[in-house]
Amino acid sequence: MKFSVIFEAQLADPTVEREHQLFRDSVEQAVLAERMGFDRIWAVEHHSLKWYAHMSAPEIFLTWVAARTSTLRIGHGVVCMPFAFNHPARVAERAATLDLLSGGRLDLGAGRGGTEQETSLCGVDRDRTAREVQEALRIIGRAWQDEELEYHGELIDIPPHPILPRPHQRPHPPLFLACSRTDTLRQAAEMGLGALVMGFAGPDAIAAMRGAYDTARAARTGDRLVSTVVNDHFAVLCPTIVLDDRDRARAVGLRGQRFFAQSIGYWYGGAGLPDEAVVAGVSAAEAEAELRRAGEQVAARLDEQRIPVRPTSTATFHADHAYGTAGDAIAYVERLRAAGADEVMCLIQMGTVPQEVCMETIRQWGEKVIPCFIGV
């Protein structure tokens, strides 16, 4: 089992001063994660998603973390790969440079960044995002293995050019794909990519997704591989707050998740602005009730708009996660391991979670949770 921390850079009250402190706090969390035995951090890439994700330049954040650490792996989870966000040759150049400077600690994930808010900022054609992500991954895999990159594809044409520098890891850093649906899991398996499973649906859903991924791996013919190197790593999201006080951990965690769910729902459609009317001192039961009511509100809005209410529409309001004591977290990780997780990506830094709680959660995982899975 591997353990990591993922950063969205969420902020419930996004003043300039608080935003600046948030990035300093996130770096300190990453540095502590290395000391506490975590294997990796991941940083997302999103654009113009106020509240939900202020992490718009992850290559800068990850470089800063790499300079402050020595063993922690540094992961793009993920780079927005549509060409108007990031030209694939530029992604290869930047990633190789960070891999060199970090001594071969980079992992590179790809995703779409497909909200209308983001695509309209950079002039991305939303109808092409999935195809552009797949083509970008093929270009990057080739750029790092050939003396010169030459690519003539359906969507982009690149005449011969050397792509410099070359990465430290040979032939290249491990490649991943963000996966939230069965079709993207199948694509990842067919292309020889690790899966970054970002959903909130819990261990039962993870088991079904692992099954889909493994079925596609077993049927893989090799004609869609993006590289000569295959990465079959399966990493799953784990929202978590761990404190000695179970009730407080659940209250803080569920409130953070509620903010996360409402802020992503606002930008992806179906929810209003994040509601921060709930005070920090509510009990775990009250926080869970507020989370449930928020999910019901989203379902009602979708129904009013005649949009089908699918399980994915309200999955972020699912409350069964690693909130509580270290013992609760250990039991939850056991369930994820049984579901087929190779890596647990801890989501700790949600928009309303105080820095001291983030740091204490990382300490508790390092001292009490991770040691139970060493060698497993």
Protein backbone atom coordinates (compact mmCIF):
# COMPACT_ATOMS: atom_id res chain seq x y z
CA MET A 1 0.00 0.00 0.00
CA LYS A 2 1.11 3.54 -0.82
CA PHE A 3 -0.13 6.69 0.90
CA SER A 4 -0.35 10.21 -0.46
CA VAL A 5 -1.95 13.61 0.14
CA ILE A 6 -3.81 15.48 -2.60
CA PHE A 7 -4.08 19.29 -2.73
CA GLU A 8 -6.91 21.27 -4.33
CA ALA A 9 -6.06 24.57 -2.57
CA GLN A 10 -9.65 25.18 -1.48
CA LEU A 11 -10.66 28.34 0.32
CA ALA A 12 -14.01 29.16 1.90
CA ASP A 13 -13.21 32.87 2.35
CA PRO A 14 -10.88 33.69 -0.57
CA THR A 15 -9.37 37.01 0.42
CA VAL A 16 -5.92 37.71 -1.02
CA GLU A 17 -4.29 37.38 2.41
CA ARG A 18 -5.98 34.04 3.15
CA GLU A 19 -5.14 32.73 -0.30
CA HIS A 20 -1.47 33.54 0.19
CA GLN A 21 -1.45 31.84 3.59
CA LEU A 22 -3.21 28.80 2.10
CA PHE A 23 -0.29 28.10 -0.24
CA ARG A 24 2.25 28.46 2.57
CA ASP A 25 0.14 26.15 4.73
CA SER A 26 -0.12 23.57 1.92
CA VAL A 27 3.66 23.48 1.53
CA GLU A 28 4.04 22.91 5.27
CA GLN A 29 1.53 20.06 5.09
CA ALA A 30 3.55 18.47 2.27
CA VAL A 31 6.82 18.80 4.18
CA LEU A 32 5.23 17.19 7.26
CA ALA A 33 3.78 14.42 5.08
CA GLU A 34 7.29 13.40 4.06
CA ARG A 35 8.43 13.32 7.70
CA MET A 36 5.41 11.21 8.66
CA GLY A 37 6.07 8.52 6.06
CA PHE A 38 3.75 9.43 3.20
CA ASP A 39 4.99 8.29 -0.21
CA ARG A 40 3.70 11.08 -2.42
CA ILE A 41 1.72 14.29 -2.81
CA TRP A 42 -0.57 15.16 -5.70
CA ALA A 43 -1.55 18.65 -6.89
CA VAL A 44 -4.55 19.31 -9.12
CA GLU A 45 -4.78 21.85 -11.94
CA HIS A 46 -7.93 23.96 -12.20
CA HIS A 47 -8.58 27.45 -13.52
CA SER A 48 -10.91 30.20 -12.27
CA LEU A 49 -12.79 27.88 -9.89
CA LYS A 50 -13.07 30.27 -6.95
CA TRP A 51 -13.60 28.47 -3.62
CA TYR A 52 -13.19 24.97 -5.09
CA ALA A 53 -9.57 25.01 -6.37
CA HIS A 54 -7.05 27.83 -6.39
CA MET A 55 -4.29 25.47 -7.63
CA SER A 56 -3.86 26.86 -11.15
CA ALA A 57 -0.07 26.45 -11.51
CA PRO A 58 0.76 23.08 -9.90
CA GLU A 59 4.15 22.91 -11.59
CA ILE A 60 5.25 25.87 -9.44
CA PHE A 61 3.78 24.46 -6.22
CA LEU A 62 5.31 21.03 -6.84
CA THR A 63 8.72 22.52 -7.61
CA TRP A 64 8.65 24.43 -4.33
CA VAL A 65 7.69 21.25 -2.44
CA ALA A 66 10.40 19.27 -4.25
CA ALA A 67 12.99 21.80 -3.07
CA ARG A 68 11.82 21.41 0.54
CA THR A 69 11.81 17.58 0.51
CA SER A 70 14.13 14.73 -0.46
CA THR A 71 12.19 11.45 -0.68
CA LEU A 72 8.56 12.48 -1.25
CA ARG A 73 7.29 11.74 -4.75
CA ILE A 74 5.79 14.74 -6.53
CA GLY A 75 2.62 14.10 -8.53
CA HIS A 76 0.61 16.05 -11.08
CA GLY A 77 -2.88 14.91 -10.26
CA VAL A 78 -3.52 16.13 -12.92
CA VAL A 79 -2.26 18.37 -15.73
CA CYS A 80 -5.11 19.71 -17.87
CA MET A 81 -4.07 18.20 -21.20
CA PRO A 82 -6.38 19.85 -23.77
CA PHE A 83 -4.05 21.75 -26.09
CA ALA A 84 -5.32 25.26 -25.32
CA PHE A 85 -4.54 24.69 -21.62
CA ASN A 86 -1.13 23.09 -22.15
CA HIS A 87 0.60 22.16 -25.39
CA PRO A 88 1.81 18.56 -24.99
CA ALA A 89 5.40 19.42 -25.91
CA ARG A 90 5.44 22.10 -23.20
CA VAL A 91 4.06 19.60 -20.67
CA ALA A 92 6.90 17.20 -21.57
CA GLU A 93 9.51 19.96 -21.19
CA ARG A 94 8.23 21.18 -17.82
CA ALA A 95 7.69 17.70 -16.42
CA ALA A 96 11.15 16.50 -17.45
CA THR A 97 12.73 19.57 -15.84
CA LEU A 98 10.93 18.95 -12.55
CA ASP A 99 11.82 15.25 -12.70
CA LEU A 100 15.50 16.20 -13.11
CA LEU A 101 15.51 18.77 -10.32
CA SER A 102 13.69 16.42 -7.92
CA GLY A 103 16.07 13.54 -8.61
CA GLY A 104 13.49 11.39 -10.39
CA ARG A 105 10.49 11.86 -8.08
CA LEU A 106 7.83 12.98 -10.56
CA ASP A 107 4.55 11.25 -11.46
CA LEU A 108 2.45 12.73 -14.27
CA GLY A 109 -1.34 12.47 -14.42
CA ALA A 110 -3.57 13.76 -17.20
CA GLY A 111 -7.13 15.09 -17.16
CA ARG A 112 -9.63 17.22 -19.04
CA GLY A 113 -10.37 20.28 -16.87
CA GLY A 114 -13.73 20.25 -18.56
CA THR A 115 -15.94 22.77 -16.73
CA GLU A 116 -17.37 25.57 -18.86
CA GLN A 117 -15.79 28.07 -16.45
CA GLU A 118 -12.32 26.69 -17.20
CA THR A 119 -12.61 25.96 -20.90
CA SER A 120 -14.03 29.43 -21.64
CA LEU A 121 -10.98 31.03 -19.99
CA CYS A 122 -8.50 29.42 -22.39
CA GLY A 123 -10.62 28.88 -25.49
CA VAL A 124 -10.76 25.10 -25.11
CA ASP A 125 -13.09 23.20 -27.44
CA ARG A 126 -15.14 21.16 -24.97
CA ASP A 127 -16.15 18.65 -27.63
CA ARG A 128 -12.50 17.73 -28.20
CA THR A 129 -11.19 17.50 -24.64
CA ALA A 130 -11.28 13.71 -24.25
CA ARG A 131 -9.63 13.12 -27.63
CA GLU A 132 -7.02 15.81 -26.99
CA VAL A 133 -6.09 14.25 -23.63
CA GLN A 134 -5.52 10.88 -25.27
CA GLU A 135 -3.49 12.39 -28.11
CA ALA A 136 -1.41 14.46 -25.67
CA LEU A 137 -0.49 11.34 -23.71
CA ARG A 138 0.67 9.58 -26.88
CA ILE A 139 2.76 12.61 -27.83
CA ILE A 140 4.35 12.83 -24.38
CA GLY A 141 5.15 9.13 -24.27
CA ARG A 142 6.83 9.42 -27.67
CA ALA A 143 8.63 12.70 -26.85
CA TRP A 144 10.53 11.08 -23.99
CA GLN A 145 11.53 7.91 -25.86
CA ASP A 146 12.54 9.13 -29.33
CA GLU A 147 15.57 11.24 -30.26
CA GLU A 148 13.23 13.69 -31.93
CA LEU A 149 9.50 14.11 -31.54
CA GLU A 150 7.57 13.95 -34.79
CA TYR A 151 3.80 13.54 -34.62
CA HIS A 152 1.13 13.72 -37.29
CA GLY A 153 -2.20 13.01 -35.67
CA GLU A 154 -5.88 13.63 -36.11
CA LEU A 155 -5.87 16.78 -33.97
CA ILE A 156 -2.32 18.15 -34.03
CA ASP A 157 0.71 18.12 -36.30
CA ILE A 158 4.26 18.47 -34.92
CA PRO A 159 7.28 18.47 -37.27
CA PRO A 160 10.56 16.92 -36.01
CA HIS A 161 11.95 18.61 -32.89
CA PRO A 162 14.10 17.41 -29.98
CA ILE A 163 12.24 17.74 -26.67
CA LEU A 164 14.69 18.93 -24.03
CA PRO A 165 15.65 18.17 -21.35
CA ARG A 166 15.15 14.42 -20.95
CA PRO A 167 13.65 13.24 -17.63
CA HIS A 168 15.72 11.62 -14.89
CA GLN A 169 13.49 8.52 -14.82
CA ARG A 170 14.03 6.34 -17.86
CA PRO A 171 12.33 6.14 -20.18
CA HIS A 172 9.99 8.59 -18.42
CA PRO A 173 8.00 9.27 -15.21
CA PRO A 174 4.96 7.04 -14.55
CA LEU A 175 1.84 8.20 -16.40
CA PHE A 176 -1.70 8.32 -14.95
CA LEU A 177 -5.21 9.28 -16.02
CA ALA A 178 -7.90 10.89 -13.87
CA CYS A 179 -10.82 8.45 -13.70
CA SER A 180 -14.31 9.05 -12.38
CA ARG A 181 -16.38 6.82 -14.68
CA THR A 182 -16.19 3.30 -16.05
CA ASP A 183 -15.29 4.49 -19.55
CA THR A 184 -12.25 6.45 -18.35
CA LEU A 185 -11.12 3.46 -16.28
CA ARG A 186 -11.28 1.30 -19.39
CA GLN A 187 -9.34 3.91 -21.36
CA ALA A 188 -6.64 4.08 -18.68
CA ALA A 189 -6.23 0.30 -18.66
CA GLU A 190 -6.16 0.04 -22.46
CA MET A 191 -3.57 2.83 -22.71
CA GLY A 192 -1.35 1.33 -19.99
CA LEU A 193 -1.95 4.20 -17.55
CA GLY A 194 -2.35 4.24 -13.81
CA ALA A 195 -5.82 5.23 -12.55
CA LEU A 196 -6.40 8.21 -10.26
CA VAL A 197 -9.91 7.52 -8.96
CA MET A 198 -11.25 10.82 -7.65
CA GLY A 199 -14.78 9.90 -6.53
CA PHE A 200 -16.41 10.06 -3.07
CA ALA A 201 -18.64 7.02 -3.47
CA GLY A 202 -16.76 4.78 -1.00
CA PRO A 203 -15.22 1.28 -0.91
CA ASP A 204 -18.12 -0.60 -2.53
CA ALA A 205 -17.99 1.66 -5.58
CA ILE A 206 -14.19 1.42 -5.60
CA ALA A 207 -14.43 -2.38 -5.78
CA ALA A 208 -16.69 -2.15 -8.84
CA MET A 209 -14.35 0.36 -10.48
CA ARG A 210 -11.35 -1.85 -9.78
CA GLY A 211 -13.21 -4.69 -11.42
CA ALA A 212 -13.80 -2.63 -14.56
CA TYR A 213 -10.14 -1.58 -14.65
CA ASP A 214 -8.88 -5.17 -14.24
CA THR A 215 -11.28 -6.49 -16.87
CA ALA A 216 -9.97 -3.95 -19.37
CA ARG A 217 -6.37 -4.79 -18.43
CA ALA A 218 -7.00 -8.49 -19.03
CA ALA A 219 -8.44 -7.72 -22.46
CA ARG A 220 -5.67 -5.27 -23.40
CA THR A 221 -4.21 -5.99 -26.83
CA GLY A 222 -1.43 -3.39 -26.75
CA ASP A 223 -2.54 -1.40 -29.78
CA ARG A 224 -3.65 1.59 -27.64
CA LEU A 225 -0.62 1.75 -25.32
CA VAL A 226 0.87 5.24 -25.10
CA SER A 227 4.34 4.01 -24.11
CA THR A 228 6.55 0.95 -24.00
CA VAL A 229 6.21 1.15 -20.20
CA VAL A 230 2.90 0.11 -18.63
CA ASN A 231 1.71 1.54 -15.31
CA ASP A 232 -1.12 -0.47 -13.69
CA HIS A 233 -1.24 1.48 -10.40
CA PHE A 234 -4.73 2.06 -8.92
CA ALA A 235 -4.96 5.07 -6.56
CA VAL A 236 -8.21 6.07 -4.82
CA LEU A 237 -9.43 9.16 -3.01
CA CYS A 238 -9.86 9.02 0.77
CA PRO A 239 -11.44 12.07 2.44
CA THR A 240 -10.12 12.05 6.00
CA ILE A 241 -9.83 13.96 9.24
CA VAL A 242 -8.25 12.09 12.17
CA LEU A 243 -8.18 13.41 15.75
CA ASP A 244 -8.28 11.86 19.22
CA ASP A 245 -11.80 13.31 19.56
CA ARG A 246 -13.96 11.24 17.16
CA ASP A 247 -16.97 13.56 17.28
CA ARG A 248 -14.88 16.65 16.51
CA ALA A 249 -13.04 14.86 13.68
CA ARG A 250 -16.33 13.85 12.08
CA ALA A 251 -17.85 17.30 12.52
CA VAL A 252 -14.82 19.03 10.96
CA GLY A 253 -14.54 16.46 8.19
CA LEU A 254 -18.20 16.45 7.22
CA ARG A 255 -18.33 20.24 7.25
CA GLY A 256 -15.25 20.31 5.00
CA GLN A 257 -16.78 17.75 2.67
CA ARG A 258 -20.00 19.75 2.53
CA PHE A 259 -18.04 22.80 1.40
CA PHE A 260 -16.14 20.66 -1.13
CA ALA A 261 -19.36 19.16 -2.51
CA GLN A 262 -21.17 22.48 -2.77
CA SER A 263 -18.25 24.33 -4.35
CA ILE A 264 -17.65 21.67 -6.99
CA GLY A 265 -21.40 21.40 -7.53
CA TYR A 266 -21.57 25.13 -8.17
CA TRP A 267 -19.04 24.98 -11.01
CA TYR A 268 -20.10 21.64 -12.45
CA GLY A 269 -23.82 22.51 -12.31
CA GLY A 270 -26.78 21.80 -10.07
CA ALA A 271 -25.78 23.55 -6.82
CA GLY A 272 -25.84 27.07 -5.50
CA LEU A 273 -22.93 28.97 -4.00
CA PRO A 274 -21.16 27.21 -1.08
CA ASP A 275 -23.20 27.71 2.08
CA GLU A 276 -21.12 28.55 5.11
CA ALA A 277 -24.02 29.26 7.49
CA VAL A 278 -23.07 26.28 9.63
CA VAL A 279 -20.84 27.33 12.51
CA ALA A 280 -17.64 25.49 13.30
CA GLY A 281 -18.89 24.17 16.64
CA VAL A 282 -21.64 21.88 15.36
CA SER A 283 -21.70 18.22 16.38
CA ALA A 284 -20.90 15.35 14.04
CA ALA A 285 -24.60 14.43 13.84
CA GLU A 286 -25.56 17.99 12.92
CA ALA A 287 -22.76 18.17 10.33
CA GLU A 288 -23.90 14.89 8.76
CA ALA A 289 -27.51 16.15 8.66
CA GLU A 290 -26.36 19.36 6.94
CA LEU A 291 -24.39 17.33 4.40
CA ARG A 292 -27.44 15.17 3.69
CA ARG A 293 -29.69 18.23 3.31
CA ALA A 294 -27.19 19.81 0.91
CA GLY A 295 -27.28 16.67 -1.23
CA GLU A 296 -31.07 16.74 -1.22
CA GLN A 297 -30.99 20.38 -2.37
CA VAL A 298 -28.76 19.46 -5.31
CA ALA A 299 -31.11 16.62 -6.29
CA ALA A 300 -34.09 19.01 -6.07
CA ARG A 301 -32.39 21.64 -8.27
CA LEU A 302 -31.50 19.02 -10.87
CA ASP A 303 -35.09 17.76 -10.85
CA GLU A 304 -36.40 21.32 -11.33
CA GLN A 305 -34.07 21.71 -14.33
CA ARG A 306 -35.27 18.34 -15.72
CA ILE A 307 -31.74 16.93 -15.41
CA PRO A 308 -31.56 13.23 -14.43
CA VAL A 309 -30.36 12.71 -10.84
CA ARG A 310 -27.70 10.03 -11.22
CA PRO A 311 -25.59 8.55 -8.40
CA THR A 312 -22.61 10.62 -9.61
CA SER A 313 -24.67 13.81 -9.12
CA THR A 314 -24.79 13.37 -5.35
CA ALA A 315 -21.76 11.10 -4.68
CA THR A 316 -19.79 13.96 -3.13
CA PHE A 317 -22.41 14.13 -0.35
CA HIS A 318 -21.77 10.50 0.70
CA ALA A 319 -20.68 10.67 4.38
CA ASP A 320 -18.93 7.33 4.96
CA HIS A 321 -15.23 8.20 4.92
CA ALA A 322 -12.17 8.16 7.19
CA TYR A 323 -13.41 10.74 9.70
CA GLY A 324 -12.78 9.91 13.35
CA THR A 325 -9.93 8.38 15.34
CA ALA A 326 -6.86 6.62 13.98
CA GLY A 327 -8.67 3.32 14.57
CA ASP A 328 -11.53 4.48 12.35
CA ALA A 329 -9.07 5.43 9.62
CA ILE A 330 -7.28 2.07 9.85
CA ALA A 331 -10.60 0.24 9.45
CA TYR A 332 -11.50 2.40 6.45
CA VAL A 333 -8.13 1.79 4.77
CA GLU A 334 -8.67 -1.95 5.26
CA ARG A 335 -11.91 -1.60 3.32
CA LEU A 336 -10.16 0.32 0.54
CA ARG A 337 -7.39 -2.28 0.40
CA ALA A 338 -9.98 -5.07 0.14
CA ALA A 339 -11.64 -3.11 -2.67
CA GLY A 340 -8.39 -3.18 -4.65
CA ALA A 341 -6.66 0.12 -3.86
CA ASP A 342 -2.91 0.21 -4.44
CA GLU A 343 -2.70 3.75 -3.04
CA VAL A 344 -4.79 5.87 -0.70
CA MET A 345 -4.89 9.57 -1.67
CA CYS A 346 -5.79 11.46 1.51
CA LEU A 347 -7.99 14.49 0.92
CA ILE A 348 -7.43 16.58 4.05
CA GLN A 349 -7.22 20.21 2.91
CA MET A 350 -10.91 20.95 2.31
CA GLY A 351 -11.96 24.58 2.35
CA THR A 352 -13.19 24.90 5.94
CA VAL A 353 -10.63 22.65 7.66
CA PRO A 354 -8.23 24.65 9.89
CA GLN A 355 -4.49 24.30 9.34
CA GLU A 356 -3.92 22.84 12.79
CA VAL A 357 -6.43 20.06 12.04
CA CYS A 358 -4.76 19.31 8.69
CA MET A 359 -1.38 19.03 10.41
CA GLU A 360 -2.72 16.88 13.24
CA THR A 361 -4.43 14.56 10.75
CA ILE A 362 -1.15 14.09 8.87
CA ARG A 363 0.63 13.35 12.17
CA GLN A 364 -1.99 10.81 13.22
CA TRP A 365 -1.79 9.02 9.87
CA GLY A 366 1.99 8.94 10.06
CA GLU A 367 2.21 7.76 13.66
CA LYS A 368 -0.77 5.39 13.85
CA VAL A 369 -2.29 4.52 10.46
CA ILE A 370 0.50 4.08 7.92
CA PRO A 371 2.63 1.82 10.16
CA CYS A 372 -0.21 -0.74 10.15
CA PHE A 373 0.20 -1.20 6.39
CA ILE A 374 3.96 -1.25 5.96
CA GLY A 375 4.84 -4.19 3.76
CA VAL A 376 1.19 -4.89 2.91
